[in-house]
């Protein structure tokens, strides 16, 4: 293990142990409420655990693909029936990406592998600069994989050959995280250490724009960490990113001009939809903001310090998970809690994933759950 890697892990441990006085406080107790909706389980399957990694399922029109640290699986979308299971031969640390007939995962040794979606046969395997901690993404003929050292590789989807590489200098002390990339309208969006965000051309890896979300502040290296540790959210007009111990900024998605900023810290992520921006901050407070100004429309602080995920959007509700394996459903109108569901007791580390008119959740211990919401 490199000295730099030790620093990355040390930062994460220190942040969790002594980052602030709030860290010493207990997670909020769950309050009783009057349910106004119901979270329904359509099907669920047991996978192996993810270890120290964060793995998310990938979804196509035909199937669901999921992984634990050892195996890669294909399931039927509607019934959850297992269709195949393969062992790639390495520890899966980043995944799952799916599309264009391929299923993509990355390893803790820096491999990116592509398998045929139909039968799970290996199409190609290639090496990138370091461990892969997020799901590789595919758009058209290009696979985009992000390494743990922040480098982003554009790979030929047919054979895995590297087409381009984006790299930038990083601070000595950074937070190990599983944030990957977002591909939208021929551009690759990603956040980086020291609070920077970039939009990169998908075809050639050329930087379209790069901007600061947050500037390091404080007297020590630990206090000065302001990394972007979650995915940006992007639509046709706006791109927004939020930094840990930093700020939230929304930009013009094409030109990169800043539209507005506000002081807020998050390591969970955020979502743009319609006139609103939804996010969970570092303390577990759920917000709905006006996307044109950043003004708070409502917030819910009832799940403080429960490591609440970024929210997933249903037509009338928001769905988020927490460290104890609970799923919480909130009204999109006022943030009140509408329903709650206990899973397997292990953490839900990332936001639910779109699955038709429902959602898909994977817990830390490997339970894969297809969900719907009813009134």
Protein backbone atom coordinates (compact mmCIF):
# COMPACT_ATOMS: atom_id res chain seq x y z
CA UNK A 1 0.00 0.00 0.00
CA UNK A 2 1.44 3.37 -1.03
CA UNK A 3 2.05 6.27 1.37
CA UNK A 4 -0.48 8.30 -0.58
CA UNK A 5 -3.06 5.53 -0.18
CA UNK A 6 -2.42 5.48 3.58
CA UNK A 7 -3.12 9.22 3.68
CA UNK A 8 -6.37 8.72 1.83
CA UNK A 9 -7.53 6.05 4.26
CA UNK A 10 -6.29 8.04 7.26
CA UNK A 11 -8.30 11.05 6.16
CA UNK A 12 -11.45 9.00 6.01
CA UNK A 13 -10.89 7.56 9.48
CA UNK A 14 -10.11 10.95 10.99
CA UNK A 15 -13.11 12.57 9.39
CA UNK A 16 -15.41 9.93 10.80
CA UNK A 17 -13.82 9.99 14.26
CA UNK A 18 -13.15 13.64 14.98
CA UNK A 19 -14.30 15.79 12.08
CA UNK A 20 -16.62 17.84 14.32
CA UNK A 21 -18.42 17.78 17.62
CA UNK A 22 -21.50 16.56 15.77
CA UNK A 23 -19.69 13.34 14.87
CA UNK A 24 -19.73 12.35 18.55
CA UNK A 25 -23.49 12.69 18.77
CA UNK A 26 -25.69 9.64 18.38
CA UNK A 27 -27.79 9.12 15.26
CA UNK A 28 -31.31 10.47 15.58
CA UNK A 29 -33.93 8.06 16.91
CA UNK A 30 -36.68 7.17 14.47
CA UNK A 31 -39.90 8.99 15.30
CA UNK A 32 -43.40 7.59 15.02
CA UNK A 33 -45.55 8.99 12.23
CA UNK A 34 -48.88 8.40 10.50
CA UNK A 35 -48.17 6.63 7.17
CA UNK A 36 -49.69 8.20 4.06
CA UNK A 37 -48.11 5.79 1.56
CA UNK A 38 -46.49 2.36 1.43
CA UNK A 39 -43.16 1.00 0.20
CA UNK A 40 -43.81 -2.35 -1.50
CA UNK A 41 -41.21 -5.04 -2.10
CA UNK A 42 -41.67 -6.54 -5.57
CA UNK A 43 -38.81 -9.01 -5.24
CA UNK A 44 -35.52 -9.41 -3.41
CA UNK A 45 -32.39 -11.52 -3.79
CA UNK A 46 -29.40 -12.23 -1.56
CA UNK A 47 -25.94 -11.50 -2.96
CA UNK A 48 -22.63 -11.62 -1.14
CA UNK A 49 -21.34 -8.57 0.71
CA UNK A 50 -19.43 -5.74 -0.95
CA UNK A 51 -16.59 -5.59 1.58
CA UNK A 52 -15.30 -2.03 1.96
CA UNK A 53 -16.52 -1.10 -1.50
CA UNK A 54 -19.75 0.54 -2.64
CA UNK A 55 -21.46 -1.41 -5.42
CA UNK A 56 -24.61 -0.32 -7.23
CA UNK A 57 -26.82 -2.29 -9.63
CA UNK A 58 -27.03 -1.52 -13.34
CA UNK A 59 -30.32 -1.62 -15.24
CA UNK A 60 -31.21 -2.04 -18.92
CA UNK A 61 -34.55 -2.54 -20.65
CA UNK A 62 -34.09 -6.29 -20.44
CA UNK A 63 -32.37 -7.01 -17.14
CA UNK A 64 -30.87 -6.02 -13.82
CA UNK A 65 -27.14 -6.58 -13.26
CA UNK A 66 -25.61 -6.59 -9.80
CA UNK A 67 -22.36 -7.59 -8.12
CA UNK A 68 -20.84 -8.48 -4.81
CA UNK A 69 -17.09 -8.44 -4.26
CA UNK A 70 -16.71 -11.85 -5.92
CA UNK A 71 -19.55 -12.46 -8.42
CA UNK A 72 -21.46 -10.66 -11.17
CA UNK A 73 -25.17 -11.51 -11.68
CA UNK A 74 -27.95 -11.01 -14.21
CA UNK A 75 -31.60 -11.00 -13.04
CA UNK A 76 -34.92 -10.68 -14.79
CA UNK A 77 -36.26 -7.15 -14.28
CA UNK A 78 -39.82 -8.16 -13.48
CA UNK A 79 -39.43 -11.32 -11.42
CA UNK A 80 -35.90 -11.12 -10.06
CA UNK A 81 -35.12 -14.59 -11.42
CA UNK A 82 -31.37 -15.20 -11.65
CA UNK A 83 -30.39 -15.71 -15.30
CA UNK A 84 -26.64 -16.10 -14.92
CA UNK A 85 -23.83 -15.75 -12.40
CA UNK A 86 -20.12 -15.45 -13.22
CA UNK A 87 -16.88 -15.06 -11.31
CA UNK A 88 -14.60 -12.48 -12.99
CA UNK A 89 -11.52 -13.72 -11.17
CA UNK A 90 -10.78 -10.50 -9.28
CA UNK A 91 -12.25 -8.54 -6.38
CA UNK A 92 -15.00 -6.30 -7.77
CA UNK A 93 -14.56 -2.81 -6.34
CA UNK A 94 -16.45 -0.73 -8.93
CA UNK A 95 -19.72 -1.55 -10.61
CA UNK A 96 -22.08 -2.16 -12.16
CA UNK A 97 -22.30 -0.29 -15.46
CA UNK A 98 -24.59 -1.61 -18.21
CA UNK A 99 -25.58 -0.65 -21.74
CA UNK A 100 -24.90 -1.24 -25.44
CA UNK A 101 -24.97 -5.01 -24.82
CA UNK A 102 -22.18 -4.88 -22.22
CA UNK A 103 -21.88 -5.21 -18.45
CA UNK A 104 -18.93 -3.38 -16.90
CA UNK A 105 -17.08 -3.72 -13.60
CA UNK A 106 -13.74 -2.61 -12.17
CA UNK A 107 -11.29 -4.22 -9.77
CA UNK A 108 -9.19 -3.22 -6.79
CA UNK A 109 -6.08 -3.88 -8.94
CA UNK A 110 -7.09 -1.44 -11.67
CA UNK A 111 -8.74 -3.76 -14.19
CA UNK A 112 -11.84 -2.81 -16.15
CA UNK A 113 -13.73 -5.77 -17.61
CA UNK A 114 -16.61 -5.91 -20.10
CA UNK A 115 -18.93 -8.91 -20.29
CA UNK A 116 -21.66 -9.74 -22.79
CA UNK A 117 -25.02 -8.87 -21.25
CA UNK A 118 -26.70 -11.85 -22.89
CA UNK A 119 -24.54 -14.66 -21.50
CA UNK A 120 -21.88 -13.14 -19.24
CA UNK A 121 -18.95 -14.09 -21.47
CA UNK A 122 -15.85 -11.91 -21.20
CA UNK A 123 -15.51 -9.49 -24.12
CA UNK A 124 -12.36 -7.72 -22.97
CA UNK A 125 -10.30 -6.75 -19.94
CA UNK A 126 -7.89 -3.83 -19.69
CA UNK A 127 -5.75 -2.03 -17.12
CA UNK A 128 -6.20 1.55 -15.93
CA UNK A 129 -4.05 3.67 -13.61
CA UNK A 130 -5.29 2.46 -10.20
CA UNK A 131 -8.16 0.75 -8.37
CA UNK A 132 -11.63 1.34 -9.81
CA UNK A 133 -14.05 2.45 -7.08
CA UNK A 134 -17.11 3.40 -9.16
CA UNK A 135 -19.19 1.86 -11.93
CA UNK A 136 -17.69 2.31 -15.43
CA UNK A 137 -20.17 4.04 -17.74
CA UNK A 138 -20.86 3.49 -21.44
CA UNK A 139 -22.24 5.82 -24.09
CA UNK A 140 -22.23 4.72 -27.71
CA UNK A 141 -18.79 3.39 -28.59
CA UNK A 142 -16.95 4.71 -25.51
CA UNK A 143 -16.60 3.33 -21.99
CA UNK A 144 -15.57 5.83 -19.31
CA UNK A 145 -13.82 4.50 -16.22
CA UNK A 146 -12.61 6.54 -13.26
CA UNK A 147 -9.67 5.38 -11.15
CA UNK A 148 -9.20 5.92 -7.43
CA UNK A 149 -6.43 8.44 -8.11
CA UNK A 150 -8.92 10.67 -9.96
CA UNK A 151 -7.80 9.86 -13.51
CA UNK A 152 -10.55 9.26 -16.07
CA UNK A 153 -10.02 6.93 -19.02
CA UNK A 154 -12.00 6.81 -22.25
CA UNK A 155 -11.92 3.25 -23.59
CA UNK A 156 -13.00 1.72 -26.88
CA UNK A 157 -16.18 -0.23 -26.11
CA UNK A 158 -15.30 -2.85 -28.72
CA UNK A 159 -11.91 -3.91 -27.35
CA UNK A 160 -11.03 -1.87 -24.24
CA UNK A 161 -8.21 0.06 -25.93
CA UNK A 162 -7.54 3.41 -24.29
CA UNK A 163 -8.66 6.35 -26.45
CA UNK A 164 -7.91 9.21 -24.06
CA UNK A 165 -6.91 10.00 -20.49
CA UNK A 166 -7.87 12.95 -18.31
CA UNK A 167 -5.66 13.64 -15.31
CA UNK A 168 -5.03 16.56 -13.00
CA UNK A 169 -2.90 17.30 -9.95
CA UNK A 170 -4.42 16.34 -6.59
CA UNK A 171 -3.68 17.47 -3.03
CA UNK A 172 -1.58 15.37 -0.65
CA UNK A 173 -4.59 14.48 1.48
CA UNK A 174 -7.80 13.38 -0.24
CA UNK A 175 -10.87 11.40 0.77
CA UNK A 176 -11.27 7.94 -0.70
CA UNK A 177 -14.67 7.88 -2.37
CA UNK A 178 -16.76 5.99 -4.91
CA UNK A 179 -17.95 8.96 -6.99
CA UNK A 180 -17.76 8.19 -10.70
CA UNK A 181 -18.83 10.21 -13.72
CA UNK A 182 -22.06 11.43 -15.33
CA UNK A 183 -22.36 11.32 -19.14
CA UNK A 184 -24.83 13.74 -20.71
CA UNK A 185 -25.12 15.24 -24.20
CA UNK A 186 -21.69 14.09 -25.30
CA UNK A 187 -19.93 15.38 -22.17
CA UNK A 188 -18.44 13.65 -19.14
CA UNK A 189 -19.00 15.49 -15.84
CA UNK A 190 -16.98 14.72 -12.70
CA UNK A 191 -16.02 16.29 -9.39
CA UNK A 192 -12.52 16.14 -7.93
CA UNK A 193 -10.38 16.73 -4.88
CA UNK A 194 -9.91 20.35 -3.78
CA UNK A 195 -13.44 21.21 -4.86
CA UNK A 196 -13.05 21.28 -8.65
CA UNK A 197 -15.59 20.10 -11.23
CA UNK A 198 -14.93 19.49 -14.93
CA UNK A 199 -16.86 18.84 -18.12
CA UNK A 200 -14.87 16.72 -20.58
CA UNK A 201 -15.71 15.93 -24.20
CA UNK A 202 -16.71 12.27 -24.51
CA UNK A 203 -15.22 11.63 -27.94
CA UNK A 204 -11.66 12.91 -27.39
CA UNK A 205 -11.31 13.65 -23.68
CA UNK A 206 -10.75 17.37 -24.22
CA UNK A 207 -11.68 19.64 -21.29
CA UNK A 208 -14.70 21.79 -22.22
CA UNK A 209 -14.72 23.70 -18.95
CA UNK A 210 -13.42 23.40 -15.41
CA UNK A 211 -14.47 25.42 -12.38
CA UNK A 212 -14.15 25.70 -8.61
CA UNK A 213 -17.03 24.58 -6.41
CA UNK A 214 -15.23 25.14 -3.11
CA UNK A 215 -11.91 26.52 -1.89
CA UNK A 216 -10.00 24.76 0.91
CA UNK A 217 -10.41 26.53 4.26
CA UNK A 218 -8.97 25.96 7.72
CA UNK A 219 -5.62 25.73 9.51
CA UNK A 220 -4.86 22.02 9.11
CA UNK A 221 -4.78 19.73 6.07
CA UNK A 222 -7.74 17.84 7.49
CA UNK A 223 -9.82 20.99 7.92
CA UNK A 224 -8.87 22.09 4.40
CA UNK A 225 -10.32 19.00 2.70
CA UNK A 226 -13.11 20.19 0.41
CA UNK A 227 -13.30 17.29 -2.03
CA UNK A 228 -16.30 16.61 -4.21
CA UNK A 229 -17.08 13.06 -3.11
CA UNK A 230 -20.43 12.55 -4.85
CA UNK A 231 -21.73 12.65 -8.41
CA UNK A 232 -22.69 15.96 -10.00
CA UNK A 233 -26.28 16.19 -11.21
CA UNK A 234 -26.79 17.34 -14.81
CA UNK A 235 -29.65 18.03 -17.18
CA UNK A 236 -29.81 19.85 -20.53
CA UNK A 237 -29.23 23.31 -19.02
CA UNK A 238 -27.67 22.99 -15.57
CA UNK A 239 -24.86 21.10 -13.87
CA UNK A 240 -24.65 21.20 -10.07
CA UNK A 241 -21.99 19.85 -7.71
CA UNK A 242 -21.48 19.96 -3.95
CA UNK A 243 -18.29 19.61 -1.92
CA UNK A 244 -17.69 18.01 1.46
CA UNK A 245 -16.89 20.77 3.99
CA UNK A 246 -17.59 23.20 1.17
CA UNK A 247 -20.25 24.71 -1.06
CA UNK A 248 -22.98 23.88 -3.54
CA UNK A 249 -22.68 25.51 -6.98
CA UNK A 250 -24.87 25.28 -10.07
CA UNK A 251 -23.34 26.05 -13.48
CA UNK A 252 -24.49 26.46 -17.05
CA UNK A 253 -24.09 22.87 -18.26
CA UNK A 254 -22.54 23.79 -21.62
CA UNK A 255 -20.43 26.88 -20.90
CA UNK A 256 -19.59 26.32 -17.23
CA UNK A 257 -20.61 29.79 -16.08
CA UNK A 258 -21.66 29.80 -12.38
CA UNK A 259 -25.37 30.51 -11.87
CA UNK A 260 -25.55 30.57 -8.06
CA UNK A 261 -23.80 29.28 -4.96
CA UNK A 262 -24.63 28.60 -1.34
CA UNK A 263 -22.75 27.25 1.66
CA UNK A 264 -23.72 23.64 2.25
CA UNK A 265 -21.66 20.48 2.80
CA UNK A 266 -22.55 17.08 1.40
CA UNK A 267 -20.85 13.79 0.61
CA UNK A 268 -24.09 12.10 -0.54
CA UNK A 269 -25.09 13.72 -3.82
CA UNK A 270 -27.97 15.61 -5.33
CA UNK A 271 -30.66 15.44 -8.03
CA UNK A 272 -32.11 17.99 -10.46
CA UNK A 273 -35.67 17.53 -11.61
CA UNK A 274 -38.13 20.06 -12.99
CA UNK A 275 -37.95 23.31 -11.02
CA UNK A 276 -36.20 21.73 -8.05
CA UNK A 277 -32.88 20.49 -6.72
CA UNK A 278 -32.97 17.74 -4.09
CA UNK A 279 -30.05 16.81 -1.83
CA UNK A 280 -28.97 15.36 1.50
CA UNK A 281 -26.30 17.27 3.43
CA UNK A 282 -23.43 15.85 5.48
CA UNK A 283 -25.56 15.87 8.66
CA UNK A 284 -28.43 13.90 7.10
CA UNK A 285 -30.79 16.82 6.46
CA UNK A 286 -32.91 16.43 3.34
CA UNK A 287 -33.45 19.61 1.29
CA UNK A 288 -35.60 20.75 -1.59
CA UNK A 289 -34.15 23.88 -3.22
CA UNK A 290 -35.33 26.21 -5.96
CA UNK A 291 -33.06 25.31 -8.88
CA UNK A 292 -33.00 28.87 -10.21
CA UNK A 293 -31.72 30.48 -7.01
CA UNK A 294 -30.75 27.78 -4.47
CA UNK A 295 -33.31 29.02 -1.98
CA UNK A 296 -34.57 26.42 0.52
CA UNK A 297 -38.21 25.45 -0.07
CA UNK A 298 -38.28 22.91 2.73
CA UNK A 299 -35.96 20.69 4.75
CA UNK A 300 -36.33 17.66 7.02
CA UNK A 301 -33.86 17.25 9.90
CA UNK A 302 -35.45 14.20 11.53
CA UNK A 303 -32.76 11.76 10.32
CA UNK A 304 -29.71 13.66 11.57
CA UNK A 305 -26.44 11.68 11.63
CA UNK A 306 -28.07 8.57 10.12
CA UNK A 307 -25.85 8.71 6.99
CA UNK A 308 -28.87 9.30 4.76
CA UNK A 309 -28.35 8.72 1.04
CA UNK A 310 -29.10 11.15 -1.73
CA UNK A 311 -32.84 11.03 -2.52
CA UNK A 312 -34.48 9.11 -5.36
CA UNK A 313 -37.53 10.72 -6.98
CA UNK A 314 -40.98 9.20 -7.32
CA UNK A 315 -43.82 11.32 -8.77
CA UNK A 316 -45.08 12.40 -5.33
CA UNK A 317 -42.29 11.26 -3.02
CA UNK A 318 -38.56 11.06 -2.30
CA UNK A 319 -36.92 7.81 -1.21
CA UNK A 320 -33.66 7.58 0.76
CA UNK A 321 -31.83 4.92 2.75
CA UNK A 322 -29.74 5.12 5.93
CA UNK A 323 -26.87 3.47 7.81
CA UNK A 324 -29.15 0.96 9.58
CA UNK A 325 -30.84 -0.36 6.43
CA UNK A 326 -34.05 1.64 6.70
CA UNK A 327 -35.73 3.14 3.66
CA UNK A 328 -37.58 6.40 4.28
CA UNK A 329 -40.24 7.86 2.00
CA UNK A 330 -40.85 11.62 2.13
CA UNK A 331 -43.55 13.80 0.62
CA UNK A 332 -42.10 15.91 -2.19
CA UNK A 333 -44.50 18.71 -1.23
CA UNK A 334 -43.45 19.38 2.36
CA UNK A 335 -40.82 16.79 3.36
CA UNK A 336 -42.99 14.93 5.85
CA UNK A 337 -42.28 11.22 6.28
CA UNK A 338 -44.86 9.14 4.42
CA UNK A 339 -43.56 5.58 4.88
CA UNK A 340 -40.67 3.52 6.22
CA UNK A 341 -39.32 0.04 5.45
CA UNK A 342 -36.66 -1.99 7.28
CA UNK A 343 -34.37 -4.12 5.10
CA UNK A 344 -31.54 -6.37 6.36
CA UNK A 345 -30.06 -4.05 8.99
CA UNK A 346 -26.93 -3.22 7.01
CA UNK A 347 -26.21 0.20 5.53
CA UNK A 348 -27.74 1.43 2.30
CA UNK A 349 -24.69 3.33 1.01
CA UNK A 350 -26.06 4.98 -2.14
CA UNK A 351 -29.28 6.37 -3.54
CA UNK A 352 -31.80 3.93 -5.04
CA UNK A 353 -31.55 3.25 -8.78
CA UNK A 354 -34.29 3.74 -11.37
CA UNK A 355 -36.17 0.55 -12.29
CA UNK A 356 -39.21 1.23 -14.49
CA UNK A 357 -41.85 2.87 -12.33
CA UNK A 358 -40.06 1.67 -9.18
CA UNK A 359 -36.58 1.60 -7.69
CA UNK A 360 -33.75 -0.80 -6.95
CA UNK A 361 -31.70 -0.82 -3.73
CA UNK A 362 -28.59 -2.76 -2.75
CA UNK A 363 -27.52 -2.97 0.89
CA UNK A 364 -23.97 -3.27 2.19
CA UNK A 365 -24.51 -6.94 3.09
CA UNK A 366 -25.78 -7.70 -0.41
CA UNK A 367 -29.56 -7.71 -0.37
CA UNK A 368 -30.92 -6.56 -3.73
CA UNK A 369 -34.48 -5.24 -3.50
CA UNK A 370 -36.95 -4.13 -6.20
CA UNK A 371 -39.41 -1.59 -4.79
CA UNK A 372 -42.57 0.28 -5.69
CA UNK A 373 -44.57 2.94 -3.88
CA UNK A 374 -48.33 2.86 -3.39
CA UNK A 375 -50.82 5.01 -1.53
